[in-house]
Amino acid sequence: MPRPTPAQLVYGSCTVICSTLAMLLLSQTSSGIGIAVIALAALGLGLLVAMTVPLPGPRTVAQSQPTPTAPPEVRVPAHRETVAAATAEPVREPTAP
């Protein structure tokens, strides 16, 4: 069972306190059994509220438009020819007089 988040603890605690006060004021009970029933009902309601708070999930990036997929790239091997080294004399630049 995962640990409760701070938001779940706060929502649950506030629900227990507020619902207990509201039920005690509305019912105007003064018996011990009535107060115990109201306290248990408030705890159950607080637990329900705490468990229904959405848990943080992995963030996903929303895309407004789907990206088109490119067709698969076809690779053709290049034909390479070897060139024999030139046997002629190297070219020399004429010197300026």
PDB file of N, CA and C in Angstrom:
ATOM      1  N   MET A   1       0.840  -1.164   0.000  1.00  0.00           N
ATOM      2  CA  MET A   1       0.000   0.000   0.000  1.00  0.00           C
ATOM      3  C   MET A   1       0.897   1.243   0.000  1.00  0.00           C
ATOM      4  N   PRO A   2       0.668   2.174  -0.921  1.00  0.00           N
ATOM      5  CA  PRO A   2       1.540   3.353  -0.996  1.00  0.00           C
ATOM      6  C   PRO A   2       1.300   4.296   0.182  1.00  0.00           C
ATOM      7  N   ARG A   3       2.310   5.061   0.478  1.00  0.00           N
ATOM      8  CA  ARG A   3       2.204   6.041   1.561  1.00  0.00           C
ATOM      9  C   ARG A   3       1.276   7.178   1.135  1.00  0.00           C
ATOM     10  N   PRO A   4       0.518   7.733   2.080  1.00  0.00           N
ATOM     11  CA  PRO A   4      -0.358   8.862   1.723  1.00  0.00           C
ATOM     12  C   PRO A   4       0.465  10.124   1.467  1.00  0.00           C
ATOM     13  N   THR A   5       0.007  10.900   0.529  1.00  0.00           N
ATOM     14  CA  THR A   5       0.677  12.158   0.210  1.00  0.00           C
ATOM     15  C   THR A   5       0.240  13.222   1.210  1.00  0.00           C
ATOM     16  N   PRO A   6       0.973  14.326   1.303  1.00  0.00           N
ATOM     17  CA  PRO A   6       0.552  15.405   2.205  1.00  0.00           C
ATOM     18  C   PRO A   6      -0.851  15.939   1.881  1.00  0.00           C
ATOM     19  N   ALA A   7      -1.192  15.986   0.615  1.00  0.00           N
ATOM     20  CA  ALA A   7      -2.528  16.459   0.241  1.00  0.00           C
ATOM     21  C   ALA A   7      -3.608  15.519   0.778  1.00  0.00           C
ATOM     22  N   GLN A   8      -3.364  14.222   0.709  1.00  0.00           N
ATOM     23  CA  GLN A   8      -4.335  13.267   1.230  1.00  0.00           C
ATOM     24  C   GLN A   8      -4.496  13.421   2.739  1.00  0.00           C
ATOM     25  N   LEU A   9      -3.391  13.613   3.451  1.00  0.00           N
ATOM     26  CA  LEU A   9      -3.458  13.791   4.899  1.00  0.00           C
ATOM     27  C   LEU A   9      -4.236  15.053   5.268  1.00  0.00           C
ATOM     28  N   VAL A  10      -3.990  16.141   4.554  1.00  0.00           N
ATOM     29  CA  VAL A  10      -4.670  17.402   4.850  1.00  0.00           C
ATOM     30  C   VAL A  10      -6.163  17.293   4.549  1.00  0.00           C
ATOM     31  N   TYR A  11      -6.521  16.770   3.382  1.00  0.00           N
ATOM     32  CA  TYR A  11      -7.943  16.645   3.025  1.00  0.00           C
ATOM     33  C   TYR A  11      -8.673  15.726   3.998  1.00  0.00           C
ATOM     34  N   GLY A  12      -8.061  14.622   4.347  1.00  0.00           N
ATOM     35  CA  GLY A  12      -8.701  13.692   5.265  1.00  0.00           C
ATOM     36  C   GLY A  12      -8.887  14.283   6.649  1.00  0.00           C
ATOM     37  N   SER A  13      -7.857  14.953   7.153  1.00  0.00           N
ATOM     38  CA  SER A  13      -7.942  15.556   8.490  1.00  0.00           C
ATOM     39  C   SER A  13      -8.983  16.668   8.541  1.00  0.00           C
ATOM     40  N   CYS A  14      -8.991  17.518   7.531  1.00  0.00           N
ATOM     41  CA  CYS A  14      -9.986  18.599   7.493  1.00  0.00           C
ATOM     42  C   CYS A  14     -11.403  18.037   7.399  1.00  0.00           C
ATOM     43  N   THR A  15     -11.564  16.964   6.658  1.00  0.00           N
ATOM     44  CA  THR A  15     -12.888  16.350   6.533  1.00  0.00           C
ATOM     45  C   THR A  15     -13.344  15.776   7.871  1.00  0.00           C
ATOM     46  N   VAL A  16     -12.442  15.122   8.583  1.00  0.00           N
ATOM     47  CA  VAL A  16     -12.802  14.544   9.884  1.00  0.00           C
ATOM     48  C   VAL A  16     -13.215  15.648  10.857  1.00  0.00           C
ATOM     49  N   ILE A  17     -12.430  16.704  10.949  1.00  0.00           N
ATOM     50  CA  ILE A  17     -12.720  17.776  11.904  1.00  0.00           C
ATOM     51  C   ILE A  17     -14.029  18.487  11.559  1.00  0.00           C
ATOM     52  N   CYS A  18     -14.162  18.889  10.282  1.00  0.00           N
ATOM     53  CA  CYS A  18     -15.359  19.647   9.884  1.00  0.00           C
ATOM     54  C   CYS A  18     -16.625  18.796   9.977  1.00  0.00           C
ATOM     55  N   SER A  19     -16.537  17.552   9.526  1.00  0.00           N
ATOM     56  CA  SER A  19     -17.747  16.722   9.562  1.00  0.00           C
ATOM     57  C   SER A  19     -18.135  16.359  10.996  1.00  0.00           C
ATOM     58  N   THR A  20     -17.151  16.165  11.887  1.00  0.00           N
ATOM     59  CA  THR A  20     -17.466  15.885  13.292  1.00  0.00           C
ATOM     60  C   THR A  20     -18.182  17.069  13.932  1.00  0.00           C
ATOM     61  N   LEU A  21     -17.632  18.266  13.736  1.00  0.00           N
ATOM     62  CA  LEU A  21     -18.278  19.456  14.297  1.00  0.00           C
ATOM     63  C   LEU A  21     -19.680  19.656  13.721  1.00  0.00           C
ATOM     64  N   ALA A  22     -19.820  19.507  12.422  1.00  0.00           N
ATOM     65  CA  ALA A  22     -21.124  19.718  11.790  1.00  0.00           C
ATOM     66  C   ALA A  22     -22.150  18.702  12.299  1.00  0.00           C
ATOM     67  N   MET A  23     -21.762  17.423  12.382  1.00  0.00           N
ATOM     68  CA  MET A  23     -22.720  16.405  12.833  1.00  0.00           C
ATOM     69  C   MET A  23     -23.070  16.570  14.315  1.00  0.00           C
ATOM     70  N   LEU A  24     -22.089  16.968  15.132  1.00  0.00           N
ATOM     71  CA  LEU A  24     -22.387  17.183  16.551  1.00  0.00           C
ATOM     72  C   LEU A  24     -23.320  18.378  16.743  1.00  0.00           C
ATOM     73  N   LEU A  25     -23.102  19.448  15.973  1.00  0.00           N
ATOM     74  CA  LEU A  25     -23.969  20.614  16.111  1.00  0.00           C
ATOM     75  C   LEU A  25     -25.372  20.352  15.570  1.00  0.00           C
ATOM     76  N   LEU A  26     -25.443  19.601  14.454  1.00  0.00           N
ATOM     77  CA  LEU A  26     -26.768  19.344  13.873  1.00  0.00           C
ATOM     78  C   LEU A  26     -27.566  18.324  14.673  1.00  0.00           C
ATOM     79  N   SER A  27     -26.891  17.329  15.231  1.00  0.00           N
ATOM     80  CA  SER A  27     -27.634  16.288  15.956  1.00  0.00           C
ATOM     81  C   SER A  27     -27.947  16.690  17.395  1.00  0.00           C
ATOM     82  N   GLN A  28     -27.184  17.602  17.946  1.00  0.00           N
ATOM     83  CA  GLN A  28     -27.338  18.070  19.324  1.00  0.00           C
ATOM     84  C   GLN A  28     -27.386  16.908  20.320  1.00  0.00           C
ATOM     85  N   THR A  29     -26.569  15.906  20.075  1.00  0.00           N
ATOM     86  CA  THR A  29     -26.536  14.750  20.974  1.00  0.00           C
ATOM     87  C   THR A  29     -25.604  15.022  22.145  1.00  0.00           C
ATOM     88  N   SER A  30     -25.903  14.430  23.269  1.00  0.00           N
ATOM     89  CA  SER A  30     -25.047  14.589  24.440  1.00  0.00           C
ATOM     90  C   SER A  30     -24.685  13.233  25.057  1.00  0.00           C
ATOM     91  N   SER A  31     -25.167  12.153  24.457  1.00  0.00           N
ATOM     92  CA  SER A  31     -24.859  10.823  24.992  1.00  0.00           C
ATOM     93  C   SER A  31     -23.502  10.359  24.464  1.00  0.00           C
ATOM     94  N   GLY A  32     -22.860   9.504  25.203  1.00  0.00           N
ATOM     95  CA  GLY A  32     -21.555   8.977  24.814  1.00  0.00           C
ATOM     96  C   GLY A  32     -21.622   8.114  23.572  1.00  0.00           C
ATOM     97  N   ILE A  33     -22.691   7.320  23.460  1.00  0.00           N
ATOM     98  CA  ILE A  33     -22.834   6.446  22.287  1.00  0.00           C
ATOM     99  C   ILE A  33     -23.063   7.281  21.025  1.00  0.00           C
ATOM    100  N   GLY A  34     -23.847   8.327  21.122  1.00  0.00           N
ATOM    101  CA  GLY A  34     -24.099   9.205  19.964  1.00  0.00           C
ATOM    102  C   GLY A  34     -22.833   9.885  19.488  1.00  0.00           C
ATOM    103  N   ILE A  35     -22.034  10.352  20.434  1.00  0.00           N
ATOM    104  CA  ILE A  35     -20.772  11.015  20.078  1.00  0.00           C
ATOM    105  C   ILE A  35     -19.806  10.014  19.445  1.00  0.00           C
ATOM    106  N   ALA A  36     -19.774   8.779  19.969  1.00  0.00           N
ATOM    107  CA  ALA A  36     -18.892   7.746  19.407  1.00  0.00           C
ATOM    108  C   ALA A  36     -19.312   7.391  17.981  1.00  0.00           C
ATOM    109  N   VAL A  37     -20.616   7.288  17.731  1.00  0.00           N
ATOM    110  CA  VAL A  37     -21.109   6.971  16.385  1.00  0.00           C
ATOM    111  C   VAL A  37     -20.751   8.102  15.420  1.00  0.00           C
ATOM    112  N   ILE A  38     -20.911   9.346  15.852  1.00  0.00           N
ATOM    113  CA  ILE A  38     -20.581  10.491  15.001  1.00  0.00           C
ATOM    114  C   ILE A  38     -19.077  10.518  14.718  1.00  0.00           C
ATOM    115  N   ALA A  39     -18.265  10.244  15.740  1.00  0.00           N
ATOM    116  CA  ALA A  39     -16.806  10.244  15.550  1.00  0.00           C
ATOM    117  C   ALA A  39     -16.383   9.146  14.571  1.00  0.00           C
ATOM    118  N   LEU A  40     -16.966   7.964  14.690  1.00  0.00           N
ATOM    119  CA  LEU A  40     -16.636   6.876  13.749  1.00  0.00           C
ATOM    120  C   LEU A  40     -17.092   7.201  12.332  1.00  0.00           C
ATOM    121  N   ALA A  41     -18.265   7.802  12.227  1.00  0.00           N
ATOM    122  CA  ALA A  41     -18.750   8.194  10.892  1.00  0.00           C
ATOM    123  C   ALA A  41     -17.834   9.250  10.283  1.00  0.00           C
ATOM    124  N   ALA A  42     -17.366  10.195  11.085  1.00  0.00           N
ATOM    125  CA  ALA A  42     -16.462  11.235  10.584  1.00  0.00           C
ATOM    126  C   ALA A  42     -15.117  10.640  10.165  1.00  0.00           C
ATOM    127  N   LEU A  43     -14.612   9.675  10.946  1.00  0.00           N
ATOM    128  CA  LEU A  43     -13.357   9.019  10.568  1.00  0.00           C
ATOM    129  C   LEU A  43     -13.502   8.247   9.255  1.00  0.00           C
ATOM    130  N   GLY A  44     -14.617   7.562   9.098  1.00  0.00           N
ATOM    131  CA  GLY A  44     -14.865   6.846   7.844  1.00  0.00           C
ATOM    132  C   GLY A  44     -14.965   7.789   6.661  1.00  0.00           C
ATOM    133  N   LEU A  45     -15.654   8.916   6.868  1.00  0.00           N
ATOM    134  CA  LEU A  45     -15.770   9.907   5.795  1.00  0.00           C
ATOM    135  C   LEU A  45     -14.409  10.522   5.460  1.00  0.00           C
ATOM    136  N   GLY A  46     -13.611  10.786   6.485  1.00  0.00           N
ATOM    137  CA  GLY A  46     -12.269  11.333   6.247  1.00  0.00           C
ATOM    138  C   GLY A  46     -11.386  10.354   5.503  1.00  0.00           C
ATOM    139  N   LEU A  47     -11.497   9.078   5.838  1.00  0.00           N
ATOM    140  CA  LEU A  47     -10.723   8.052   5.130  1.00  0.00           C
ATOM    141  C   LEU A  47     -11.160   7.950   3.669  1.00  0.00           C
ATOM    142  N   LEU A  48     -12.446   8.025   3.450  1.00  0.00           N
ATOM    143  CA  LEU A  48     -12.967   7.977   2.079  1.00  0.00           C
ATOM    144  C   LEU A  48     -12.465   9.157   1.257  1.00  0.00           C
ATOM    145  N   VAL A  49     -12.504  10.348   1.836  1.00  0.00           N
ATOM    146  CA  VAL A  49     -12.032  11.536   1.121  1.00  0.00           C
ATOM    147  C   VAL A  49     -10.534  11.440   0.851  1.00  0.00           C
ATOM    148  N   ALA A  50      -9.768  10.971   1.834  1.00  0.00           N
ATOM    149  CA  ALA A  50      -8.317  10.887   1.654  1.00  0.00           C
ATOM    150  C   ALA A  50      -7.936   9.886   0.570  1.00  0.00           C
ATOM    151  N   MET A  51      -8.677   8.813   0.452  1.00  0.00           N
ATOM    152  CA  MET A  51      -8.340   7.797  -0.547  1.00  0.00           C
ATOM    153  C   MET A  51      -8.817   8.169  -1.949  1.00  0.00           C
ATOM    154  N   THR A  52      -9.770   9.085  -2.061  1.00  0.00           N
ATOM    155  CA  THR A  52     -10.251   9.456  -3.396  1.00  0.00           C
ATOM    156  C   THR A  52      -9.502  10.641  -3.984  1.00  0.00           C
ATOM    157  N   VAL A  53      -8.597  11.258  -3.215  1.00  0.00           N
ATOM    158  CA  VAL A  53      -7.761  12.322  -3.773  1.00  0.00           C
ATOM    159  C   VAL A  53      -6.861  11.682  -4.809  1.00  0.00           C
ATOM    160  N   PRO A  54      -6.816  12.233  -6.028  1.00  0.00           N
ATOM    161  CA  PRO A  54      -6.002  11.593  -7.068  1.00  0.00           C
ATOM    162  C   PRO A  54      -4.530  11.571  -6.703  1.00  0.00           C
ATOM    163  N   LEU A  55      -3.911  10.438  -6.953  1.00  0.00           N
ATOM    164  CA  LEU A  55      -2.482  10.279  -6.708  1.00  0.00           C
ATOM    165  C   LEU A  55      -1.700  10.892  -7.858  1.00  0.00           C
ATOM    166  N   PRO A  56      -0.535  11.453  -7.566  1.00  0.00           N
ATOM    167  CA  PRO A  56       0.274  11.986  -8.659  1.00  0.00           C
ATOM    168  C   PRO A  56       0.778  10.846  -9.539  1.00  0.00           C
ATOM    169  N   GLY A  57       0.612  11.011 -10.825  1.00  0.00           N
ATOM    170  CA  GLY A  57       1.056   9.987 -11.765  1.00  0.00           C
ATOM    171  C   GLY A  57       2.179  10.505 -12.626  1.00  0.00           C
ATOM    172  N   PRO A  58       2.655   9.686 -13.511  1.00  0.00           N
ATOM    173  CA  PRO A  58       3.715  10.145 -14.402  1.00  0.00           C
ATOM    174  C   PRO A  58       3.195  11.227 -15.332  1.00  0.00           C
ATOM    175  N   ARG A  59       3.999  12.209 -15.519  1.00  0.00           N
ATOM    176  CA  ARG A  59       3.593  13.307 -16.386  1.00  0.00           C
ATOM    177  C   ARG A  59       3.761  12.906 -17.846  1.00  0.00           C
ATOM    178  N   THR A  60       2.764  13.246 -18.619  1.00  0.00           N
ATOM    179  CA  THR A  60       2.828  12.970 -20.047  1.00  0.00           C
ATOM    180  C   THR A  60       2.688  14.284 -20.787  1.00  0.00           C
ATOM    181  N   VAL A  61       3.368  14.374 -21.890  1.00  0.00           N
ATOM    182  CA  VAL A  61       3.307  15.575 -22.705  1.00  0.00           C
ATOM    183  C   VAL A  61       2.174  15.402 -23.695  1.00  0.00           C
ATOM    184  N   ALA A  62       1.240  16.328 -23.657  1.00  0.00           N
ATOM    185  CA  ALA A  62       0.104  16.268 -24.571  1.00  0.00           C
ATOM    186  C   ALA A  62       0.510  16.836 -25.925  1.00  0.00           C
ATOM    187  N   GLN A  63       0.151  16.135 -26.960  1.00  0.00           N
ATOM    188  CA  GLN A  63       0.447  16.605 -28.308  1.00  0.00           C
ATOM    189  C   GLN A  63      -0.847  17.091 -28.930  1.00  0.00           C
ATOM    190  N   SER A  64      -0.793  18.312 -29.501  1.00  0.00           N
ATOM    191  CA  SER A  64      -1.997  18.846 -30.105  1.00  0.00           C
ATOM    192  C   SER A  64      -2.291  18.157 -31.436  1.00  0.00           C
ATOM    193  N   GLN A  65      -1.256  17.859 -32.191  1.00  0.00           N
ATOM    194  CA  GLN A  65      -1.438  17.182 -33.470  1.00  0.00           C
ATOM    195  C   GLN A  65      -0.460  16.011 -33.538  1.00  0.00           C
ATOM    196  N   PRO A  66      -0.907  14.911 -34.063  1.00  0.00           N
ATOM    197  CA  PRO A  66       0.035  13.788 -34.184  1.00  0.00           C
ATOM    198  C   PRO A  66       1.109  14.114 -35.214  1.00  0.00           C
ATOM    199  N   THR A  67       2.320  13.729 -34.924  1.00  0.00           N
ATOM    200  CA  THR A  67       3.410  13.988 -35.846  1.00  0.00           C
ATOM    201  C   THR A  67       3.396  12.912 -36.934  1.00  0.00           C
ATOM    202  N   PRO A  68       3.498  13.344 -38.179  1.00  0.00           N
ATOM    203  CA  PRO A  68       3.496  12.354 -39.261  1.00  0.00           C
ATOM    204  C   PRO A  68       4.787  11.541 -39.221  1.00  0.00           C
ATOM    205  N   THR A  69       4.665  10.290 -39.507  1.00  0.00           N
ATOM    206  CA  THR A  69       5.846   9.437 -39.510  1.00  0.00           C
ATOM    207  C   THR A  69       6.448   9.426 -40.908  1.00  0.00           C
ATOM    208  N   ALA A  70       7.747   9.514 -40.967  1.00  0.00           N
ATOM    209  CA  ALA A  70       8.447   9.513 -42.246  1.00  0.00           C
ATOM    210  C   ALA A  70       8.541   8.082 -42.762  1.00  0.00           C
ATOM    211  N   PRO A  71       8.510   7.930 -44.081  1.00  0.00           N
ATOM    212  CA  PRO A  71       8.667   6.573 -44.619  1.00  0.00           C
ATOM    213  C   PRO A  71      10.058   6.056 -44.289  1.00  0.00           C
ATOM    214  N   PRO A  72      10.211   4.762 -44.207  1.00  0.00           N
ATOM    215  CA  PRO A  72      11.535   4.227 -43.870  1.00  0.00           C
ATOM    216  C   PRO A  72      12.565   4.621 -44.911  1.00  0.00           C
ATOM    217  N   GLU A  73      13.745   4.940 -44.435  1.00  0.00           N
ATOM    218  CA  GLU A  73      14.812   5.389 -45.316  1.00  0.00           C
ATOM    219  C   GLU A  73      15.451   4.186 -45.994  1.00  0.00           C
ATOM    220  N   VAL A  74      15.606   4.285 -47.309  1.00  0.00           N
ATOM    221  CA  VAL A  74      16.223   3.208 -48.072  1.00  0.00           C
ATOM    222  C   VAL A  74      17.667   3.592 -48.330  1.00  0.00           C
ATOM    223  N   ARG A  75      18.566   2.741 -47.935  1.00  0.00           N
ATOM    224  CA  ARG A  75      19.993   3.015 -48.140  1.00  0.00           C
ATOM    225  C   ARG A  75      20.528   2.074 -49.219  1.00  0.00           C
ATOM    226  N   VAL A  76      21.180   2.682 -50.190  1.00  0.00           N
ATOM    227  CA  VAL A  76      21.788   1.926 -51.277  1.00  0.00           C
ATOM    228  C   VAL A  76      23.296   2.082 -51.154  1.00  0.00           C
ATOM    229  N   PRO A  77      24.038   0.989 -51.155  1.00  0.00           N
ATOM    230  CA  PRO A  77      25.489   1.136 -51.033  1.00  0.00           C
ATOM    231  C   PRO A  77      26.067   1.822 -52.266  1.00  0.00           C
ATOM    232  N   ALA A  78      26.979   2.738 -52.043  1.00  0.00           N
ATOM    233  CA  ALA A  78      27.595   3.481 -53.141  1.00  0.00           C
ATOM    234  C   ALA A  78      28.694   2.633 -53.778  1.00  0.00           C
ATOM    235  N   HIS A  79      28.792   2.688 -55.103  1.00  0.00           N
ATOM    236  CA  HIS A  79      29.836   1.966 -55.831  1.00  0.00           C
ATOM    237  C   HIS A  79      31.056   2.872 -55.909  1.00  0.00           C
ATOM    238  N   ARG A  80      32.143   2.418 -55.348  1.00  0.00           N
ATOM    239  CA  ARG A  80      33.349   3.238 -55.339  1.00  0.00           C
ATOM    240  C   ARG A  80      34.430   2.544 -56.151  1.00  0.00           C
ATOM    241  N   GLU A  81      35.074   3.345 -56.983  1.00  0.00           N
ATOM    242  CA  GLU A  81      36.163   2.822 -57.801  1.00  0.00           C
ATOM    243  C   GLU A  81      37.475   3.351 -57.249  1.00  0.00           C
ATOM    244  N   THR A  82      38.457   2.514 -57.302  1.00  0.00           N
ATOM    245  CA  THR A  82      39.779   2.969 -56.871  1.00  0.00           C
ATOM    246  C   THR A  82      40.486   3.585 -58.068  1.00  0.00           C
ATOM    247  N   VAL A  83      41.198   4.647 -57.811  1.00  0.00           N
ATOM    248  CA  VAL A  83      41.918   5.348 -58.871  1.00  0.00           C
ATOM    249  C   VAL A  83      43.402   5.096 -58.659  1.00  0.00           C
ATOM    250  N   ALA A  84      44.051   4.663 -59.707  1.00  0.00           N
ATOM    251  CA  ALA A  84      45.488   4.403 -59.608  1.00  0.00           C
ATOM    252  C   ALA A  84      46.225   5.728 -59.479  1.00  0.00           C
ATOM    253  N   ALA A  85      47.339   5.683 -58.781  1.00  0.00           N
ATOM    254  CA  ALA A  85      48.126   6.903 -58.605  1.00  0.00           C
ATOM    255  C   ALA A  85      48.724   7.312 -59.946  1.00  0.00           C
ATOM    256  N   ALA A  86      48.777   8.597 -60.167  1.00  0.00           N
ATOM    257  CA  ALA A  86      49.322   9.113 -61.435  1.00  0.00           C
ATOM    258  C   ALA A  86      50.839   8.882 -61.468  1.00  0.00           C
ATOM    259  N   THR A  87      51.330   8.443 -62.636  1.00  0.00           N
ATOM    260  CA  THR A  87      52.766   8.172 -62.778  1.00  0.00           C
ATOM    261  C   THR A  87      53.489   9.332 -63.408  1.00  0.00           C
ATOM    262  N   ALA A  88      52.760  10.346 -63.800  1.00  0.00           N
ATOM    263  CA  ALA A  88      53.406  11.496 -64.455  1.00  0.00           C
ATOM    264  C   ALA A  88      54.122  12.333 -63.413  1.00  0.00           C
ATOM    265  N   GLU A  89      54.940  13.236 -63.919  1.00  0.00           N
ATOM    266  CA  GLU A  89      55.700  14.140 -63.076  1.00  0.00           C
ATOM    267  C   GLU A  89      54.726  15.085 -62.360  1.00  0.00           C
ATOM    268  N   PRO A  90      55.067  15.483 -61.176  1.00  0.00           N
ATOM    269  CA  PRO A  90      54.215  16.442 -60.491  1.00  0.00           C
ATOM    270  C   PRO A  90      54.205  17.778 -61.219  1.00  0.00           C
ATOM    271  N   VAL A  91      53.141  18.477 -61.147  1.00  0.00           N
ATOM    272  CA  VAL A  91      53.011  19.778 -61.814  1.00  0.00           C
ATOM    273  C   VAL A  91      53.755  20.809 -60.990  1.00  0.00           C
ATOM    274  N   ARG A  92      54.609  21.590 -61.711  1.00  0.00           N
ATOM    275  CA  ARG A  92      55.355  22.639 -61.033  1.00  0.00           C
ATOM    276  C   ARG A  92      54.949  23.955 -61.620  1.00  0.00           C
ATOM    277  N   GLU A  93      54.746  24.886 -60.722  1.00  0.00           N
ATOM    278  CA  GLU A  93      54.367  26.228 -61.168  1.00  0.00           C
ATOM    279  C   GLU A  93      55.614  26.947 -61.680  1.00  0.00           C
ATOM    280  N   PRO A  94      55.431  27.689 -62.755  1.00  0.00           N
ATOM    281  CA  PRO A  94      56.599  28.470 -63.253  1.00  0.00           C
ATOM    282  C   PRO A  94      56.914  29.602 -62.265  1.00  0.00           C
ATOM    283  N   THR A  95      58.152  29.861 -62.113  1.00  0.00           N
ATOM    284  CA  THR A  95      58.554  30.932 -61.189  1.00  0.00           C
ATOM    285  C   THR A  95      58.496  32.263 -61.909  1.00  0.00           C
ATOM    286  N   ALA A  96      58.175  33.256 -61.217  1.00  0.00           N
ATOM    287  CA  ALA A  96      58.068  34.589 -61.802  1.00  0.00           C
ATOM    288  C   ALA A  96      59.472  35.201 -61.938  1.00  0.00           C
ATOM    289  N   PRO A  97      59.789  35.865 -63.120  1.00  0.00           N
ATOM    290  CA  PRO A  97      61.138  36.444 -63.303  1.00  0.00           C
ATOM    291  C   PRO A  97      61.370  37.691 -62.514  1.00  0.00           C
TER     292      PRO A  97
END
